PDB file of N, CA and C in Angstrom:
ATOM      1  N   MET A   1      46.490 121.678 102.470  1.00  0.00           N
ATOM      2  CA  MET A   1      47.640 121.465 101.634  1.00  0.00           C
ATOM      3  C   MET A   1      48.164 120.038 101.760  1.00  0.00           C
ATOM      4  N   ARG A   2      47.744 119.351 102.790  1.00  0.00           N
ATOM      5  CA  ARG A   2      48.235 118.003 103.015  1.00  0.00           C
ATOM      6  C   ARG A   2      47.883 117.085 101.851  1.00  0.00           C
ATOM      7  N   ARG A   3      46.773 117.327 101.169  1.00  0.00           N
ATOM      8  CA  ARG A   3      46.364 116.447 100.082  1.00  0.00           C
ATOM      9  C   ARG A   3      47.303 116.514  98.885  1.00  0.00           C
ATOM     10  N   PHE A   4      48.185 117.525  98.817  1.00  0.00           N
ATOM     11  CA  PHE A   4      49.107 117.651  97.706  1.00  0.00           C
ATOM     12  C   PHE A   4      50.404 116.889  97.927  1.00  0.00           C
ATOM     13  N   ILE A   5      50.594 116.304  99.103  1.00  0.00           N
ATOM     14  CA  ILE A   5      51.799 115.537  99.378  1.00  0.00           C
ATOM     15  C   ILE A   5      51.755 114.247  98.560  1.00  0.00           C
ATOM     16  N   LEU A   6      52.857 113.950  97.898  1.00  0.00           N
ATOM     17  CA  LEU A   6      52.904 112.781  97.025  1.00  0.00           C
ATOM     18  C   LEU A   6      53.403 111.576  97.795  1.00  0.00           C
ATOM     19  N   LEU A   7      52.693 110.472  97.660  1.00  0.00           N
ATOM     20  CA  LEU A   7      53.052 109.234  98.337  1.00  0.00           C
ATOM     21  C   LEU A   7      53.225 108.137  97.296  1.00  0.00           C
ATOM     22  N   GLY A   8      53.959 107.112  97.640  1.00  0.00           N
ATOM     23  CA  GLY A   8      54.066 105.957  96.771  1.00  0.00           C
ATOM     24  C   GLY A   8      55.354 105.916  95.984  1.00  0.00           C
ATOM     25  N   SER A   9      55.353 105.066  94.961  1.00  0.00           N
ATOM     26  CA  SER A   9      56.553 104.872  94.149  1.00  0.00           C
ATOM     27  C   SER A   9      56.850 106.127  93.328  1.00  0.00           C
ATOM     28  N   PRO A  10      58.090 106.303  92.877  1.00  0.00           N
ATOM     29  CA  PRO A  10      58.435 107.495  92.096  1.00  0.00           C
ATOM     30  C   PRO A  10      57.626 107.645  90.810  1.00  0.00           C
ATOM     31  N   MET A  11      57.362 106.552  90.097  1.00  0.00           N
ATOM     32  CA  MET A  11      56.588 106.651  88.862  1.00  0.00           C
ATOM     33  C   MET A  11      55.155 107.070  89.161  1.00  0.00           C
ATOM     34  N   ARG A  12      54.582 106.503  90.187  1.00  0.00           N
ATOM     35  CA  ARG A  12      53.223 106.858  90.561  1.00  0.00           C
ATOM     36  C   ARG A  12      53.176 108.303  91.040  1.00  0.00           C
ATOM     37  N   SER A  13      54.189 108.710  91.788  1.00  0.00           N
ATOM     38  CA  SER A  13      54.237 110.079  92.279  1.00  0.00           C
ATOM     39  C   SER A  13      54.389 111.066  91.137  1.00  0.00           C
ATOM     40  N   GLN A  14      55.181 110.718  90.142  1.00  0.00           N
ATOM     41  CA  GLN A  14      55.365 111.608  89.002  1.00  0.00           C
ATOM     42  C   GLN A  14      54.047 111.786  88.250  1.00  0.00           C
ATOM     43  N   ARG A  15      53.325 110.715  88.057  1.00  0.00           N
ATOM     44  CA  ARG A  15      52.044 110.793  87.372  1.00  0.00           C
ATOM     45  C   ARG A  15      51.059 111.612  88.192  1.00  0.00           C
ATOM     46  N   ARG A  16      51.059 111.414  89.486  1.00  0.00           N
ATOM     47  CA  ARG A  16      50.150 112.134  90.353  1.00  0.00           C
ATOM     48  C   ARG A  16      50.506 113.627  90.394  1.00  0.00           C
ATOM     49  N   SER A  17      51.793 113.939  90.309  1.00  0.00           N
ATOM     50  CA  SER A  17      52.191 115.343  90.367  1.00  0.00           C
ATOM     51  C   SER A  17      51.650 116.109  89.170  1.00  0.00           C
ATOM     52  N   ARG A  18      51.555 115.449  88.030  1.00  0.00           N
ATOM     53  CA  ARG A  18      50.984 116.117  86.855  1.00  0.00           C
ATOM     54  C   ARG A  18      49.520 116.455  87.073  1.00  0.00           C
ATOM     55  N   THR A  19      48.802 115.596  87.771  1.00  0.00           N
ATOM     56  CA  THR A  19      47.375 115.830  87.966  1.00  0.00           C
ATOM     57  C   THR A  19      47.095 116.799  89.108  1.00  0.00           C
ATOM     58  N   THR A  20      48.068 117.084  89.944  1.00  0.00           N
ATOM     59  CA  THR A  20      47.839 118.024  91.042  1.00  0.00           C
ATOM     60  C   THR A  20      48.351 119.423  90.737  1.00  0.00           C
ATOM     61  N   ARG A  21      49.019 119.617  89.624  1.00  0.00           N
ATOM     62  CA  ARG A  21      49.547 120.940  89.303  1.00  0.00           C
ATOM     63  C   ARG A  21      48.443 121.969  89.127  1.00  0.00           C
ATOM     64  N   ALA A  22      47.425 121.651  88.361  1.00  0.00           N
ATOM     65  CA  ALA A  22      46.359 122.621  88.085  1.00  0.00           C
ATOM     66  C   ALA A  22      45.594 123.018  89.353  1.00  0.00           C
ATOM     67  N   PRO A  23      45.144 122.071  90.176  1.00  0.00           N
ATOM     68  CA  PRO A  23      44.458 122.487  91.402  1.00  0.00           C
ATOM     69  C   PRO A  23      45.349 123.291  92.341  1.00  0.00           C
ATOM     70  N   PHE A  24      46.620 122.925  92.418  1.00  0.00           N
ATOM     71  CA  PHE A  24      47.529 123.661  93.292  1.00  0.00           C
ATOM     72  C   PHE A  24      47.747 125.081  92.769  1.00  0.00           C
ATOM     73  N   ALA A  25      47.905 125.232  91.463  1.00  0.00           N
ATOM     74  CA  ALA A  25      48.088 126.560  90.869  1.00  0.00           C
ATOM     75  C   ALA A  25      46.843 127.416  91.073  1.00  0.00           C
ATOM     76  N   LEU A  26      45.674 126.823  90.928  1.00  0.00           N
ATOM     77  CA  LEU A  26      44.431 127.563  91.141  1.00  0.00           C
ATOM     78  C   LEU A  26      44.312 128.014  92.594  1.00  0.00           C
ATOM     79  N   HIS A  27      44.677 127.143  93.513  1.00  0.00           N
ATOM     80  CA  HIS A  27      44.634 127.501  94.927  1.00  0.00           C
ATOM     81  C   HIS A  27      45.629 128.621  95.230  1.00  0.00           C
ATOM     82  N   ALA A  28      46.810 128.559  94.648  1.00  0.00           N
ATOM     83  CA  ALA A  28      47.810 129.605  94.873  1.00  0.00           C
ATOM     84  C   ALA A  28      47.332 130.942  94.318  1.00  0.00           C
ATOM     85  N   MET A  29      46.718 130.936  93.149  1.00  0.00           N
ATOM     86  CA  MET A  29      46.177 132.175  92.585  1.00  0.00           C
ATOM     87  C   MET A  29      45.064 132.733  93.472  1.00  0.00           C
ATOM     88  N   TYR A  30      44.172 131.869  93.938  1.00  0.00           N
ATOM     89  CA  TYR A  30      43.099 132.307  94.825  1.00  0.00           C
ATOM     90  C   TYR A  30      43.685 132.905  96.105  1.00  0.00           C
ATOM     91  N   TYR A  31      44.649 132.222  96.685  1.00  0.00           N
ATOM     92  CA  TYR A  31      45.248 132.649  97.953  1.00  0.00           C
ATOM     93  C   TYR A  31      45.929 134.008  97.808  1.00  0.00           C
ATOM     94  N   ASN A  32      46.601 134.246  96.697  1.00  0.00           N
ATOM     95  CA  ASN A  32      47.378 135.464  96.531  1.00  0.00           C
ATOM     96  C   ASN A  32      46.622 136.628  95.897  1.00  0.00           C
ATOM     97  N   PHE A  33      45.586 136.363  95.110  1.00  0.00           N
ATOM     98  CA  PHE A  33      44.917 137.439  94.385  1.00  0.00           C
ATOM     99  C   PHE A  33      43.467 137.676  94.805  1.00  0.00           C
ATOM    100  N   VAL A  34      42.782 136.672  95.357  1.00  0.00           N
ATOM    101  CA  VAL A  34      41.360 136.805  95.653  1.00  0.00           C
ATOM    102  C   VAL A  34      41.091 136.944  97.149  1.00  0.00           C
ATOM    103  N   ARG A  35      41.744 136.162  97.952  1.00  0.00           N
ATOM    104  CA  ARG A  35      41.457 136.096  99.386  1.00  0.00           C
ATOM    105  C   ARG A  35      42.077 137.273 100.133  1.00  0.00           C
ATOM    106  N   ILE A  36      41.255 137.991 100.880  1.00  0.00           N
ATOM    107  CA  ILE A  36      41.740 139.079 101.718  1.00  0.00           C
ATOM    108  C   ILE A  36      42.235 138.475 103.025  1.00  0.00           C
ATOM    109  N   HIS A  37      43.469 138.757 103.379  1.00  0.00           N
ATOM    110  CA  HIS A  37      44.077 138.218 104.588  1.00  0.00           C
ATOM    111  C   HIS A  37      43.805 139.143 105.768  1.00  0.00           C
ATOM    112  N   GLN A  38      43.546 138.554 106.918  1.00  0.00           N
ATOM    113  CA  GLN A  38      43.165 139.329 108.099  1.00  0.00           C
ATOM    114  C   GLN A  38      44.269 140.258 108.562  1.00  0.00           C
ATOM    115  N   THR A  39      45.501 139.804 108.571  1.00  0.00           N
ATOM    116  CA  THR A  39      46.584 140.634 109.092  1.00  0.00           C
ATOM    117  C   THR A  39      46.968 141.742 108.115  1.00  0.00           C
ATOM    118  N   LEU A  40      46.887 141.462 106.819  1.00  0.00           N
ATOM    119  CA  LEU A  40      47.256 142.457 105.817  1.00  0.00           C
ATOM    120  C   LEU A  40      46.117 143.420 105.494  1.00  0.00           C
ATOM    121  N   LYS A  41      44.881 142.970 105.697  1.00  0.00           N
ATOM    122  CA  LYS A  41      43.686 143.713 105.304  1.00  0.00           C
ATOM    123  C   LYS A  41      43.608 143.910 103.784  1.00  0.00           C
ATOM    124  N   MET A  42      44.343 143.093 103.047  1.00  0.00           N
ATOM    125  CA  MET A  42      44.341 143.082 101.589  1.00  0.00           C
ATOM    126  C   MET A  42      44.930 141.752 101.134  1.00  0.00           C
ATOM    127  N   THR A  43      44.980 141.534  99.845  1.00  0.00           N
ATOM    128  CA  THR A  43      45.580 140.301  99.344  1.00  0.00           C
ATOM    129  C   THR A  43      47.097 140.434  99.332  1.00  0.00           C
ATOM    130  N   PRO A  44      47.830 139.317  99.375  1.00  0.00           N
ATOM    131  CA  PRO A  44      49.292 139.398  99.299  1.00  0.00           C
ATOM    132  C   PRO A  44      49.782 140.041  97.999  1.00  0.00           C
ATOM    133  N   ALA A  45      49.064 139.822  96.901  1.00  0.00           N
ATOM    134  CA  ALA A  45      49.465 140.434  95.628  1.00  0.00           C
ATOM    135  C   ALA A  45      49.338 141.956  95.692  1.00  0.00           C
ATOM    136  N   MET A  46      48.303 142.433  96.349  1.00  0.00           N
ATOM    137  CA  MET A  46      48.137 143.881  96.508  1.00  0.00           C
ATOM    138  C   MET A  46      49.217 144.435  97.432  1.00  0.00           C
ATOM    139  N   ALA A  47      49.537 143.711  98.486  1.00  0.00           N
ATOM    140  CA  ALA A  47      50.567 144.163  99.422  1.00  0.00           C
ATOM    141  C   ALA A  47      51.934 144.211  98.755  1.00  0.00           C
ATOM    142  N   ALA A  48      52.195 143.289  97.824  1.00  0.00           N
ATOM    143  CA  ALA A  48      53.482 143.249  97.133  1.00  0.00           C
ATOM    144  C   ALA A  48      53.528 144.210  95.954  1.00  0.00           C
ATOM    145  N   GLY A  49      52.408 144.817  95.624  1.00  0.00           N
ATOM    146  CA  GLY A  49      52.373 145.760  94.510  1.00  0.00           C
ATOM    147  C   GLY A  49      52.222 145.108  93.153  1.00  0.00           C
ATOM    148  N   VAL A  50      51.836 143.842  93.117  1.00  0.00           N
ATOM    149  CA  VAL A  50      51.660 143.129  91.849  1.00  0.00           C
ATOM    150  C   VAL A  50      50.379 143.589  91.152  1.00  0.00           C
ATOM    151  N   THR A  51      49.351 143.865  91.915  1.00  0.00           N
ATOM    152  CA  THR A  51      48.086 144.332  91.379  1.00  0.00           C
ATOM    153  C   THR A  51      47.550 145.434  92.290  1.00  0.00           C
ATOM    154  N   ASP A  52      46.684 146.252  91.728  1.00  0.00           N
ATOM    155  CA  ASP A  52      46.124 147.343  92.521  1.00  0.00           C
ATOM    156  C   ASP A  52      44.639 147.154  92.818  1.00  0.00           C
ATOM    157  N   ARG A  53      44.096 146.004  92.427  1.00  0.00           N
ATOM    158  CA  ARG A  53      42.672 145.750  92.666  1.00  0.00           C
ATOM    159  C   ARG A  53      42.460 144.350  93.221  1.00  0.00           C
ATOM    160  N   LEU A  54      41.310 144.162  93.826  1.00  0.00           N
ATOM    161  CA  LEU A  54      40.920 142.858  94.342  1.00  0.00           C
ATOM    162  C   LEU A  54      40.332 142.034  93.203  1.00  0.00           C
ATOM    163  N   TRP A  55      40.891 140.876  92.953  1.00  0.00           N
ATOM    164  CA  TRP A  55      40.399 140.009  91.893  1.00  0.00           C
ATOM    165  C   TRP A  55      39.208 139.208  92.403  1.00  0.00           C
ATOM    166  N   GLU A  56      38.389 138.745  91.465  1.00  0.00           N
ATOM    167  CA  GLU A  56      37.289 137.835  91.762  1.00  0.00           C
ATOM    168  C   GLU A  56      37.582 136.504  91.081  1.00  0.00           C
ATOM    169  N   MET A  57      36.867 135.477  91.482  1.00  0.00           N
ATOM    170  CA  MET A  57      37.061 134.165  90.851  1.00  0.00           C
ATOM    171  C   MET A  57      36.748 134.247  89.362  1.00  0.00           C
ATOM    172  N   LYS A  58      35.821 135.107  88.989  1.00  0.00           N
ATOM    173  CA  LYS A  58      35.483 135.297  87.583  1.00  0.00           C
ATOM    174  C   LYS A  58      36.714 135.736  86.787  1.00  0.00           C
ATOM    175  N   ASP A  59      37.538 136.591  87.377  1.00  0.00           N
ATOM    176  CA  ASP A  59      38.754 137.048  86.715  1.00  0.00           C
ATOM    177  C   ASP A  59      39.731 135.892  86.484  1.00  0.00           C
ATOM    178  N   LEU A  60      39.852 135.013  87.470  1.00  0.00           N
ATOM    179  CA  LEU A  60      40.737 133.854  87.323  1.00  0.00           C
ATOM    180  C   LEU A  60      40.251 132.919  86.222  1.00  0.00           C
ATOM    181  N   VAL A  61      38.943 132.685  86.180  1.00  0.00           N
ATOM    182  CA  VAL A  61      38.374 131.788  85.166  1.00  0.00           C
ATOM    183  C   VAL A  61      38.591 132.379  83.778  1.00  0.00           C
ATOM    184  N   GLU A  62      38.368 133.682  83.618  1.00  0.00           N
ATOM    185  CA  GLU A  62      38.582 134.321  82.316  1.00  0.00           C
ATOM    186  C   GLU A  62      40.043 134.229  81.888  1.00  0.00           C
ATOM    187  N   MET A  63      40.958 134.414  82.830  1.00  0.00           N
ATOM    188  CA  MET A  63      42.381 134.325  82.521  1.00  0.00           C
ATOM    189  C   MET A  63      42.750 132.907  82.084  1.00  0.00           C
ATOM    190  N   LEU A  64      42.224 131.902  82.778  1.00  0.00           N
ATOM    191  CA  LEU A  64      42.503 130.513  82.418  1.00  0.00           C
ATOM    192  C   LEU A  64      41.918 130.154  81.051  1.00  0.00           C
ATOM    193  N   GLU A  65      40.708 130.626  80.761  1.00  0.00           N
ATOM    194  CA  GLU A  65      40.099 130.348  79.464  1.00  0.00           C
ATOM    195  C   GLU A  65      40.883 131.001  78.339  1.00  0.00           C
ATOM    196  N   ALA A  66      41.376 132.218  78.551  1.00  0.00           N
ATOM    197  CA  ALA A  66      42.184 132.891  77.536  1.00  0.00           C
ATOM    198  C   ALA A  66      43.502 132.144  77.314  1.00  0.00           C
ATOM    199  N   PHE A  67      44.103 131.644  78.385  1.00  0.00           N
ATOM    200  CA  PHE A  67      45.344 130.883  78.264  1.00  0.00           C
ATOM    201  C   PHE A  67      45.106 129.585  77.487  1.00  0.00           C
ATOM    202  N   GLU A  68      44.035 128.878  77.815  1.00  0.00           N
ATOM    203  CA  GLU A  68      43.737 127.629  77.104  1.00  0.00           C
ATOM    204  C   GLU A  68      43.470 127.880  75.629  1.00  0.00           C
ATOM    205  N   ALA A  69      42.786 128.969  75.314  1.00  0.00           N
ATOM    206  CA  ALA A  69      42.513 129.301  73.921  1.00  0.00           C
ATOM    207  C   ALA A  69      43.804 129.611  73.166  1.00  0.00           C
ATOM    208  N   SER A  70      44.731 130.299  73.818  1.00  0.00           N
ATOM    209  CA  SER A  70      46.003 130.610  73.166  1.00  0.00           C
ATOM    210  C   SER A  70      46.835 129.333  72.965  1.00  0.00           C
ATOM    211  N   GLN A  71      46.738 128.393  73.887  1.00  0.00           N
ATOM    212  CA  GLN A  71      47.463 127.127  73.739  1.00  0.00           C
ATOM    213  C   GLN A  71      46.909 126.300  72.587  1.00  0.00           C
ATOM    214  N   LYS A  72      45.593 126.338  72.398  1.00  0.00           N
ATOM    215  CA  LYS A  72      44.977 125.595  71.301  1.00  0.00           C
ATOM    216  C   LYS A  72      45.375 126.199  69.951  1.00  0.00           C
ATOM    217  N   ARG A  73      45.436 127.549  69.895  1.00  0.00           N
ATOM    218  CA  ARG A  73      45.828 128.200  68.652  1.00  0.00           C
ATOM    219  C   ARG A  73      47.288 127.914  68.327  1.00  0.00           C
ATOM    220  N   ALA A  74      48.122 127.813  69.329  1.00  0.00           N
ATOM    221  CA  ALA A  74      49.550 127.567  69.108  1.00  0.00           C
ATOM    222  C   ALA A  74      49.815 126.139  68.638  1.00  0.00           C
ATOM    223  N   ALA A  75      48.959 125.216  69.012  1.00  0.00           N
ATOM    224  CA  ALA A  75      49.159 123.796  68.654  1.00  0.00           C
ATOM    225  C   ALA A  75      48.668 123.444  67.294  1.00  0.00           C
TER     226      ALA A  75
END
């Protein structure tokens, strides 16, 4: 997570923050929906009751592609 820390001038940091949003969001989705945690023996999303199944990376990619397609249609 250290690589997401923003350094430098405010303008440079603002520009950099835009480019780190997508990788950070993907990592958060992977961490909460795909990765099984040792202490929980399930994903945090399953423990919180958000989902009842274990997601795969394929599911995340399909969700992102559907979102991008809907954004293109809206524009």
